[in-house]
PDB file of all heavy atoms in Angstrom:
ATOM      1  N   THR A   1     -12.203 -19.273  -6.437  1.00  0.00           N
ATOM      2  CA  THR A   1     -12.709 -19.074  -5.075  1.00  0.00           C
ATOM      3  C   THR A   1     -14.167 -19.474  -4.890  1.00  0.00           C
ATOM      4  O   THR A   1     -14.633 -19.582  -3.754  1.00  0.00           O
ATOM      5  CB  THR A   1     -12.580 -17.588  -4.658  1.00  0.00           C
ATOM      6  OG1 THR A   1     -13.453 -16.796  -5.473  1.00  0.00           O
ATOM      7  CG2 THR A   1     -11.154 -17.094  -4.789  1.00  0.00           C
ATOM      8  N   GLY A   2     -14.862 -19.633  -6.006  1.00  0.00           N
ATOM      9  CA  GLY A   2     -16.283 -19.964  -5.917  1.00  0.00           C
ATOM     10  C   GLY A   2     -17.149 -18.757  -5.606  1.00  0.00           C
ATOM     11  O   GLY A   2     -18.340 -18.875  -5.366  1.00  0.00           O
ATOM     12  N   ARG A   3     -16.533 -17.580  -5.618  1.00  0.00           N
ATOM     13  CA  ARG A   3     -17.265 -16.350  -5.303  1.00  0.00           C
ATOM     14  C   ARG A   3     -16.896 -15.246  -6.289  1.00  0.00           C
ATOM     15  O   ARG A   3     -15.795 -15.200  -6.804  1.00  0.00           O
ATOM     16  CB  ARG A   3     -16.909 -15.863  -3.909  1.00  0.00           C
ATOM     17  CG  ARG A   3     -17.404 -16.733  -2.792  1.00  0.00           C
ATOM     18  CD  ARG A   3     -17.325 -15.971  -1.490  1.00  0.00           C
ATOM     19  NE  ARG A   3     -17.748 -16.503  -0.255  1.00  0.00           N
ATOM     20  CZ  ARG A   3     -18.340 -17.619   0.054  1.00  0.00           C
ATOM     21  NH1 ARG A   3     -18.626 -18.454  -0.867  1.00  0.00           N
ATOM     22  NH2 ARG A   3     -18.672 -17.956   1.268  1.00  0.00           N
ATOM     23  N   ALA A   4     -17.839 -14.353  -6.459  1.00  0.00           N
ATOM     24  CA  ALA A   4     -17.605 -13.140  -7.242  1.00  0.00           C
ATOM     25  C   ALA A   4     -17.766 -11.970  -6.278  1.00  0.00           C
ATOM     26  O   ALA A   4     -18.873 -11.660  -5.861  1.00  0.00           O
ATOM     27  CB  ALA A   4     -18.598 -13.043  -8.384  1.00  0.00           C
ATOM     28  N   VAL A   5     -16.652 -11.365  -5.895  1.00  0.00           N
ATOM     29  CA  VAL A   5     -16.662 -10.310  -4.882  1.00  0.00           C
ATOM     30  C   VAL A   5     -16.059  -9.041  -5.471  1.00  0.00           C
ATOM     31  O   VAL A   5     -14.987  -9.083  -6.078  1.00  0.00           O
ATOM     32  CB  VAL A   5     -15.859 -10.743  -3.630  1.00  0.00           C
ATOM     33  CG1 VAL A   5     -15.775  -9.619  -2.616  1.00  0.00           C
ATOM     34  CG2 VAL A   5     -16.484 -11.984  -3.017  1.00  0.00           C
ATOM     35  N   SER A   6     -16.745  -7.929  -5.260  1.00  0.00           N
ATOM     36  CA  SER A   6     -16.248  -6.627  -5.686  1.00  0.00           C
ATOM     37  C   SER A   6     -15.998  -5.794  -4.435  1.00  0.00           C
ATOM     38  O   SER A   6     -16.905  -5.581  -3.634  1.00  0.00           O
ATOM     39  CB  SER A   6     -17.279  -5.944  -6.587  1.00  0.00           C
ATOM     40  OG  SER A   6     -16.810  -4.682  -6.996  1.00  0.00           O
ATOM     41  N   VAL A   7     -14.771  -5.332  -4.273  1.00  0.00           N
ATOM     42  CA  VAL A   7     -14.379  -4.547  -3.098  1.00  0.00           C
ATOM     43  C   VAL A   7     -14.039  -3.135  -3.569  1.00  0.00           C
ATOM     44  O   VAL A   7     -13.232  -2.960  -4.484  1.00  0.00           O
ATOM     45  CB  VAL A   7     -13.168  -5.181  -2.382  1.00  0.00           C
ATOM     46  CG1 VAL A   7     -12.715  -4.316  -1.220  1.00  0.00           C
ATOM     47  CG2 VAL A   7     -13.511  -6.584  -1.922  1.00  0.00           C
ATOM     48  N   LEU A   8     -14.651  -2.156  -2.936  1.00  0.00           N
ATOM     49  CA  LEU A   8     -14.417  -0.768  -3.322  1.00  0.00           C
ATOM     50  C   LEU A   8     -13.497  -0.085  -2.315  1.00  0.00           C
ATOM     51  O   LEU A   8     -13.870   0.124  -1.164  1.00  0.00           O
ATOM     52  CB  LEU A   8     -15.752  -0.016  -3.388  1.00  0.00           C
ATOM     53  CG  LEU A   8     -16.791  -0.589  -4.340  1.00  0.00           C
ATOM     54  CD1 LEU A   8     -18.080   0.220  -4.270  1.00  0.00           C
ATOM     55  CD2 LEU A   8     -16.266  -0.634  -5.762  1.00  0.00           C
ATOM     56  N   LEU A   9     -12.284   0.223  -2.753  1.00  0.00           N
ATOM     57  CA  LEU A   9     -11.325   0.993  -1.969  1.00  0.00           C
ATOM     58  C   LEU A   9     -10.974   2.240  -2.768  1.00  0.00           C
ATOM     59  O   LEU A   9     -11.241   2.315  -3.967  1.00  0.00           O
ATOM     60  CB  LEU A   9     -10.061   0.182  -1.680  1.00  0.00           C
ATOM     61  CG  LEU A   9     -10.218  -1.106  -0.882  1.00  0.00           C
ATOM     62  CD1 LEU A   9      -8.854  -1.717  -0.599  1.00  0.00           C
ATOM     63  CD2 LEU A   9     -10.964  -0.880   0.401  1.00  0.00           C
ATOM     64  N   LEU A  10     -10.365   3.206  -2.107  1.00  0.00           N
ATOM     65  CA  LEU A  10     -10.042   4.476  -2.743  1.00  0.00           C
ATOM     66  C   LEU A  10      -8.533   4.634  -2.866  1.00  0.00           C
ATOM     67  O   LEU A  10      -7.821   4.539  -1.851  1.00  0.00           O
ATOM     68  CB  LEU A  10     -10.609   5.625  -1.897  1.00  0.00           C
ATOM     69  CG  LEU A  10     -10.317   7.032  -2.390  1.00  0.00           C
ATOM     70  CD1 LEU A  10     -11.081   7.311  -3.675  1.00  0.00           C
ATOM     71  CD2 LEU A  10     -10.713   8.044  -1.328  1.00  0.00           C
ATOM     72  N   PRO A  11      -8.033   4.875  -4.102  1.00  0.00           N
ATOM     73  CA  PRO A  11      -6.615   5.217  -4.220  1.00  0.00           C
ATOM     74  C   PRO A  11      -6.391   6.528  -3.456  1.00  0.00           C
ATOM     75  O   PRO A  11      -7.051   7.523  -3.733  1.00  0.00           O
ATOM     76  CB  PRO A  11      -6.398   5.421  -5.720  1.00  0.00           C
ATOM     77  CG  PRO A  11      -7.619   4.916  -6.394  1.00  0.00           C
ATOM     78  CD  PRO A  11      -8.717   4.920  -5.386  1.00  0.00           C
ATOM     79  N   TRP A  12      -5.497   6.519  -2.475  1.00  0.00           N
ATOM     80  CA  TRP A  12      -5.350   7.672  -1.590  1.00  0.00           C
ATOM     81  C   TRP A  12      -4.150   8.532  -1.952  1.00  0.00           C
ATOM     82  O   TRP A  12      -4.176   9.744  -1.823  1.00  0.00           O
ATOM     83  CB  TRP A  12      -5.258   7.175  -0.156  1.00  0.00           C
ATOM     84  CG  TRP A  12      -5.393   8.265   0.844  1.00  0.00           C
ATOM     85  CD1 TRP A  12      -4.394   8.793   1.620  1.00  0.00           C
ATOM     86  CD2 TRP A  12      -6.576   8.991   1.175  1.00  0.00           C
ATOM     87  NE1 TRP A  12      -4.895   9.791   2.413  1.00  0.00           N
ATOM     88  CE2 TRP A  12      -6.251   9.933   2.155  1.00  0.00           C
ATOM     89  CE3 TRP A  12      -7.894   8.932   0.733  1.00  0.00           C
ATOM     90  CZ2 TRP A  12      -7.162  10.804   2.712  1.00  0.00           C
ATOM     91  CZ3 TRP A  12      -8.811   9.792   1.293  1.00  0.00           C
ATOM     92  CH2 TRP A  12      -8.445  10.716   2.264  1.00  0.00           C
ATOM     93  N   SER A  13      -3.077   7.885  -2.363  1.00  0.00           N
ATOM     94  CA  SER A  13      -1.854   8.598  -2.725  1.00  0.00           C
ATOM     95  C   SER A  13      -1.076   7.724  -3.700  1.00  0.00           C
ATOM     96  O   SER A  13      -1.569   6.685  -4.135  1.00  0.00           O
ATOM     97  CB  SER A  13      -1.005   8.887  -1.475  1.00  0.00           C
ATOM     98  OG  SER A  13      -0.457   7.682  -0.968  1.00  0.00           O
ATOM     99  N   ALA A  14       0.138   8.137  -3.997  1.00  0.00           N
ATOM    100  CA  ALA A  14       0.964   7.367  -4.935  1.00  0.00           C
ATOM    101  C   ALA A  14       1.338   5.995  -4.385  1.00  0.00           C
ATOM    102  O   ALA A  14       1.713   5.100  -5.144  1.00  0.00           O
ATOM    103  CB  ALA A  14       2.231   8.150  -5.272  1.00  0.00           C
ATOM    104  N   HIS A  15       1.200   5.812  -3.053  1.00  0.00           N
ATOM    105  CA  HIS A  15       1.615   4.547  -2.438  1.00  0.00           C
ATOM    106  C   HIS A  15       0.618   4.004  -1.429  1.00  0.00           C
ATOM    107  O   HIS A  15       0.994   3.187  -0.582  1.00  0.00           O
ATOM    108  CB  HIS A  15       2.981   4.719  -1.764  1.00  0.00           C
ATOM    109  CG  HIS A  15       4.046   5.157  -2.705  1.00  0.00           C
ATOM    110  ND1 HIS A  15       4.589   4.336  -3.661  1.00  0.00           N
ATOM    111  CD2 HIS A  15       4.639   6.370  -2.876  1.00  0.00           C
ATOM    112  CE1 HIS A  15       5.488   5.008  -4.370  1.00  0.00           C
ATOM    113  NE2 HIS A  15       5.532   6.242  -3.911  1.00  0.00           N
ATOM    114  N   ALA A  16      -0.630   4.445  -1.492  1.00  0.00           N
ATOM    115  CA  ALA A  16      -1.590   3.986  -0.480  1.00  0.00           C
ATOM    116  C   ALA A  16      -3.016   3.970  -1.027  1.00  0.00           C
ATOM    117  O   ALA A  16      -3.373   4.740  -1.915  1.00  0.00           O
ATOM    118  CB  ALA A  16      -1.530   4.877   0.762  1.00  0.00           C
ATOM    119  N   VAL A  17      -3.798   3.058  -0.458  1.00  0.00           N
ATOM    120  CA  VAL A  17      -5.240   3.029  -0.689  1.00  0.00           C
ATOM    121  C   VAL A  17      -5.924   3.113   0.667  1.00  0.00           C
ATOM    122  O   VAL A  17      -5.339   2.778   1.698  1.00  0.00           O
ATOM    123  CB  VAL A  17      -5.709   1.763  -1.461  1.00  0.00           C
ATOM    124  CG1 VAL A  17      -5.064   1.686  -2.827  1.00  0.00           C
ATOM    125  CG2 VAL A  17      -5.438   0.504  -0.684  1.00  0.00           C
ATOM    126  N   ARG A  18      -7.171   3.578   0.648  1.00  0.00           N
ATOM    127  CA  ARG A  18      -7.928   3.806   1.882  1.00  0.00           C
ATOM    128  C   ARG A  18      -9.156   2.916   1.888  1.00  0.00           C
ATOM    129  O   ARG A  18      -9.905   2.861   0.919  1.00  0.00           O
ATOM    130  CB  ARG A  18      -8.327   5.275   1.939  1.00  0.00           C
ATOM    131  CG  ARG A  18      -9.083   5.692   3.163  1.00  0.00           C
ATOM    132  CD  ARG A  18      -9.291   7.209   3.080  1.00  0.00           C
ATOM    133  NE  ARG A  18     -10.009   7.706   4.219  1.00  0.00           N
ATOM    134  CZ  ARG A  18     -11.223   8.228   4.155  1.00  0.00           C
ATOM    135  NH1 ARG A  18     -11.843   8.313   3.002  1.00  0.00           N
ATOM    136  NH2 ARG A  18     -11.818   8.670   5.239  1.00  0.00           N
ATOM    137  N   ALA A  19      -9.343   2.219   3.005  1.00  0.00           N
ATOM    138  CA  ALA A  19     -10.522   1.380   3.209  1.00  0.00           C
ATOM    139  C   ALA A  19     -11.272   1.919   4.419  1.00  0.00           C
ATOM    140  O   ALA A  19     -10.668   2.225   5.436  1.00  0.00           O
ATOM    141  CB  ALA A  19     -10.105  -0.068   3.450  1.00  0.00           C
ATOM    142  N   VAL A  20     -12.593   2.033   4.295  1.00  0.00           N
ATOM    143  CA  VAL A  20     -13.405   2.590   5.373  1.00  0.00           C
ATOM    144  C   VAL A  20     -14.600   1.676   5.628  1.00  0.00           C
ATOM    145  O   VAL A  20     -15.262   1.251   4.689  1.00  0.00           O
ATOM    146  CB  VAL A  20     -13.906   4.013   5.023  1.00  0.00           C
ATOM    147  CG1 VAL A  20     -14.765   4.573   6.142  1.00  0.00           C
ATOM    148  CG2 VAL A  20     -12.737   4.939   4.734  1.00  0.00           C
ATOM    149  N   TRP A  21     -14.876   1.419   6.895  1.00  0.00           N
ATOM    150  CA  TRP A  21     -16.017   0.588   7.282  1.00  0.00           C
ATOM    151  C   TRP A  21     -17.165   1.461   7.746  1.00  0.00           C
ATOM    152  O   TRP A  21     -16.956   2.526   8.315  1.00  0.00           O
ATOM    153  CB  TRP A  21     -15.623  -0.378   8.408  1.00  0.00           C
ATOM    154  CG  TRP A  21     -15.029  -1.606   7.840  1.00  0.00           C
ATOM    155  CD1 TRP A  21     -15.607  -2.839   7.749  1.00  0.00           C
ATOM    156  CD2 TRP A  21     -13.750  -1.732   7.220  1.00  0.00           C
ATOM    157  NE1 TRP A  21     -14.773  -3.699   7.105  1.00  0.00           N
ATOM    158  CE2 TRP A  21     -13.623  -3.052   6.767  1.00  0.00           C
ATOM    159  CE3 TRP A  21     -12.708  -0.851   6.980  1.00  0.00           C
ATOM    160  CZ2 TRP A  21     -12.499  -3.513   6.102  1.00  0.00           C
ATOM    161  CZ3 TRP A  21     -11.593  -1.299   6.321  1.00  0.00           C
ATOM    162  CH2 TRP A  21     -11.493  -2.622   5.899  1.00  0.00           C
ATOM    163  N   HIS A  22     -18.383   0.989   7.501  1.00  0.00           N
ATOM    164  CA  HIS A  22     -19.589   1.656   7.974  1.00  0.00           C
ATOM    165  C   HIS A  22     -20.597   0.588   8.356  1.00  0.00           C
ATOM    166  O   HIS A  22     -20.364  -0.609   8.172  1.00  0.00           O
ATOM    167  CB  HIS A  22     -20.146   2.635   6.939  1.00  0.00           C
ATOM    168  CG  HIS A  22     -20.410   2.004   5.609  1.00  0.00           C
ATOM    169  ND1 HIS A  22     -21.536   1.249   5.350  1.00  0.00           N
ATOM    170  CD2 HIS A  22     -19.673   1.992   4.478  1.00  0.00           C
ATOM    171  CE1 HIS A  22     -21.501   0.817   4.109  1.00  0.00           C
ATOM    172  NE2 HIS A  22     -20.372   1.243   3.560  1.00  0.00           N
ATOM    173  N   ARG A  23     -21.732   1.005   8.853  1.00  0.00           N
ATOM    174  CA  ARG A  23     -22.714   0.086   9.433  1.00  0.00           C
ATOM    175  C   ARG A  23     -23.217  -0.978   8.468  1.00  0.00           C
ATOM    176  O   ARG A  23     -23.730  -1.996   8.889  1.00  0.00           O
ATOM    177  CB  ARG A  23     -23.870   0.856  10.046  1.00  0.00           C
ATOM    178  CG  ARG A  23     -24.745   1.557   9.043  1.00  0.00           C
ATOM    179  CD  ARG A  23     -25.926   2.272   9.677  1.00  0.00           C
ATOM    180  NE  ARG A  23     -26.858   1.340  10.257  1.00  0.00           N
ATOM    181  CZ  ARG A  23     -27.148   1.251  11.569  1.00  0.00           C
ATOM    182  NH1 ARG A  23     -26.585   2.078  12.409  1.00  0.00           N
ATOM    183  NH2 ARG A  23     -28.003   0.382  12.012  1.00  0.00           N
ATOM    184  N   ASP A  24     -23.088  -0.762   7.168  1.00  0.00           N
ATOM    185  CA  ASP A  24     -23.580  -1.733   6.196  1.00  0.00           C
ATOM    186  C   ASP A  24     -22.529  -2.753   5.779  1.00  0.00           C
ATOM    187  O   ASP A  24     -22.785  -3.577   4.901  1.00  0.00           O
ATOM    188  CB  ASP A  24     -24.118  -1.009   4.959  1.00  0.00           C
ATOM    189  CG  ASP A  24     -25.332  -0.159   5.284  1.00  0.00           C
ATOM    190  OD1 ASP A  24     -26.123  -0.566   6.161  1.00  0.00           O
ATOM    191  OD2 ASP A  24     -25.479   0.919   4.682  1.00  0.00           O
ATOM    192  N   VAL A  25     -21.337  -2.702   6.378  1.00  0.00           N
ATOM    193  CA  VAL A  25     -20.283  -3.666   6.069  1.00  0.00           C
ATOM    194  C   VAL A  25     -20.155  -4.609   7.259  1.00  0.00           C
ATOM    195  O   VAL A  25     -19.714  -4.214   8.332  1.00  0.00           O
ATOM    196  CB  VAL A  25     -18.936  -2.962   5.778  1.00  0.00           C
ATOM    197  CG1 VAL A  25     -17.866  -3.994   5.445  1.00  0.00           C
ATOM    198  CG2 VAL A  25     -19.089  -1.950   4.648  1.00  0.00           C
ATOM    199  N   SER A  26     -20.541  -5.849   7.053  1.00  0.00           N
ATOM    200  CA  SER A  26     -20.571  -6.829   8.136  1.00  0.00           C
ATOM    201  C   SER A  26     -19.218  -7.514   8.322  1.00  0.00           C
ATOM    202  O   SER A  26     -18.289  -7.338   7.522  1.00  0.00           O
ATOM    203  CB  SER A  26     -21.622  -7.902   7.818  1.00  0.00           C
ATOM    204  OG  SER A  26     -21.198  -8.677   6.701  1.00  0.00           O
ATOM    205  N   ALA A  27     -19.141  -8.324   9.359  1.00  0.00           N
ATOM    206  CA  ALA A  27     -17.938  -9.134   9.585  1.00  0.00           C
ATOM    207  C   ALA A  27     -17.743 -10.108   8.420  1.00  0.00           C
ATOM    208  O   ALA A  27     -16.615 -10.351   7.983  1.00  0.00           O
ATOM    209  CB  ALA A  27     -18.050  -9.889  10.909  1.00  0.00           C
ATOM    210  N   TYR A  28     -18.841 -10.633   7.905  1.00  0.00           N
ATOM    211  CA  TYR A  28     -18.771 -11.540   6.749  1.00  0.00           C
ATOM    212  C   TYR A  28     -18.241 -10.794   5.519  1.00  0.00           C
ATOM    213  O   TYR A  28     -17.373 -11.307   4.805  1.00  0.00           O
ATOM    214  CB  TYR A  28     -20.148 -12.141   6.466  1.00  0.00           C
ATOM    215  CG  TYR A  28     -20.180 -13.059   5.276  1.00  0.00           C
ATOM    216  CD1 TYR A  28     -19.568 -14.309   5.329  1.00  0.00           C
ATOM    217  CD2 TYR A  28     -20.816 -12.682   4.100  1.00  0.00           C
ATOM    218  CE1 TYR A  28     -19.578 -15.158   4.234  1.00  0.00           C
ATOM    219  CE2 TYR A  28     -20.837 -13.525   3.004  1.00  0.00           C
ATOM    220  CZ  TYR A  28     -20.218 -14.763   3.070  1.00  0.00           C
ATOM    221  OH  TYR A  28     -20.232 -15.605   1.984  1.00  0.00           O
ATOM    222  N   ASP A  29     -18.742  -9.575   5.286  1.00  0.00           N
ATOM    223  CA  ASP A  29     -18.252  -8.763   4.174  1.00  0.00           C
ATOM    224  C   ASP A  29     -16.756  -8.495   4.332  1.00  0.00           C
ATOM    225  O   ASP A  29     -16.000  -8.503   3.353  1.00  0.00           O
ATOM    226  CB  ASP A  29     -18.989  -7.421   4.111  1.00  0.00           C
ATOM    227  CG  ASP A  29     -20.463  -7.565   3.823  1.00  0.00           C
ATOM    228  OD1 ASP A  29     -20.872  -8.548   3.171  1.00  0.00           O
ATOM    229  OD2 ASP A  29     -21.230  -6.674   4.267  1.00  0.00           O
ATOM    230  N   THR A  30     -16.341  -8.253   5.560  1.00  0.00           N
ATOM    231  CA  THR A  30     -14.929  -7.989   5.838  1.00  0.00           C
ATOM    232  C   THR A  30     -14.083  -9.209   5.499  1.00  0.00           C
ATOM    233  O   THR A  30     -13.009  -9.087   4.904  1.00  0.00           O
ATOM    234  CB  THR A  30     -14.747  -7.591   7.319  1.00  0.00           C
ATOM    235  OG1 THR A  30     -15.534  -6.419   7.568  1.00  0.00           O
ATOM    236  CG2 THR A  30     -13.298  -7.318   7.652  1.00  0.00           C
ATOM    237  N   GLU A  31     -14.582 -10.373   5.853  1.00  0.00           N
ATOM    238  CA  GLU A  31     -13.871 -11.621   5.519  1.00  0.00           C
ATOM    239  C   GLU A  31     -13.769 -11.790   4.005  1.00  0.00           C
ATOM    240  O   GLU A  31     -12.726 -12.178   3.475  1.00  0.00           O
ATOM    241  CB  GLU A  31     -14.594 -12.816   6.158  1.00  0.00           C
ATOM    242  CG  GLU A  31     -13.834 -14.103   6.097  1.00  0.00           C
ATOM    243  CD  GLU A  31     -12.531 -14.092   6.876  1.00  0.00           C
ATOM    244  OE1 GLU A  31     -12.420 -13.384   7.886  1.00  0.00           O
ATOM    245  OE2 GLU A  31     -11.588 -14.798   6.452  1.00  0.00           O
ATOM    246  N   LEU A  32     -14.857 -11.510   3.297  1.00  0.00           N
ATOM    247  CA  LEU A  32     -14.838 -11.591   1.831  1.00  0.00           C
ATOM    248  C   LEU A  32     -13.821 -10.608   1.249  1.00  0.00           C
ATOM    249  O   LEU A  32     -13.105 -10.942   0.302  1.00  0.00           O
ATOM    250  CB  LEU A  32     -16.224 -11.309   1.260  1.00  0.00           C
ATOM    251  CG  LEU A  32     -17.298 -12.366   1.483  1.00  0.00           C
ATOM    252  CD1 LEU A  32     -18.645 -11.882   0.953  1.00  0.00           C
ATOM    253  CD2 LEU A  32     -16.918 -13.692   0.850  1.00  0.00           C
ATOM    254  N   ALA A  33     -13.743  -9.405   1.811  1.00  0.00           N
ATOM    255  CA  ALA A  33     -12.786  -8.406   1.334  1.00  0.00           C
ATOM    256  C   ALA A  33     -11.353  -8.862   1.572  1.00  0.00           C
ATOM    257  O   ALA A  33     -10.482  -8.695   0.705  1.00  0.00           O
ATOM    258  CB  ALA A  33     -13.044  -7.058   2.009  1.00  0.00           C
ATOM    259  N   LYS A  34     -11.088  -9.454   2.741  1.00  0.00           N
ATOM    260  CA  LYS A  34      -9.747  -9.993   3.014  1.00  0.00           C
ATOM    261  C   LYS A  34      -9.399 -11.073   2.008  1.00  0.00           C
ATOM    262  O   LYS A  34      -8.294 -11.096   1.465  1.00  0.00           O
ATOM    263  CB  LYS A  34      -9.670 -10.584   4.431  1.00  0.00           C
ATOM    264  CG  LYS A  34      -9.542  -9.585   5.524  1.00  0.00           C
ATOM    265  CD  LYS A  34      -9.243 -10.180   6.893  1.00  0.00           C
ATOM    266  CE  LYS A  34      -9.722 -11.559   7.150  1.00  0.00           C
ATOM    267  NZ  LYS A  34      -9.550 -12.030   8.526  1.00  0.00           N
ATOM    268  N   ASN A  35     -10.336 -11.977   1.762  1.00  0.00           N
ATOM    269  CA  ASN A  35     -10.096 -13.055   0.809  1.00  0.00           C
ATOM    270  C   ASN A  35      -9.859 -12.527  -0.595  1.00  0.00           C
ATOM    271  O   ASN A  35      -9.012 -13.039  -1.334  1.00  0.00           O
ATOM    272  CB  ASN A  35     -11.260 -14.048   0.818  1.00  0.00           C
ATOM    273  CG  ASN A  35     -11.368 -14.790   2.129  1.00  0.00           C
ATOM    274  OD1 ASN A  35     -10.436 -14.834   2.928  1.00  0.00           O
ATOM    275  ND2 ASN A  35     -12.532 -15.370   2.381  1.00  0.00           N
TER     276      ASN A  35
END
């Protein structure tokens, strides 16, 4: 990908993870997380 990206999500249950956005996560960061 030409990038080194670390995405922090939380294991929420046996079948789910939780992602939360806050003011320090930009649209660009969101795109990197999707990728």
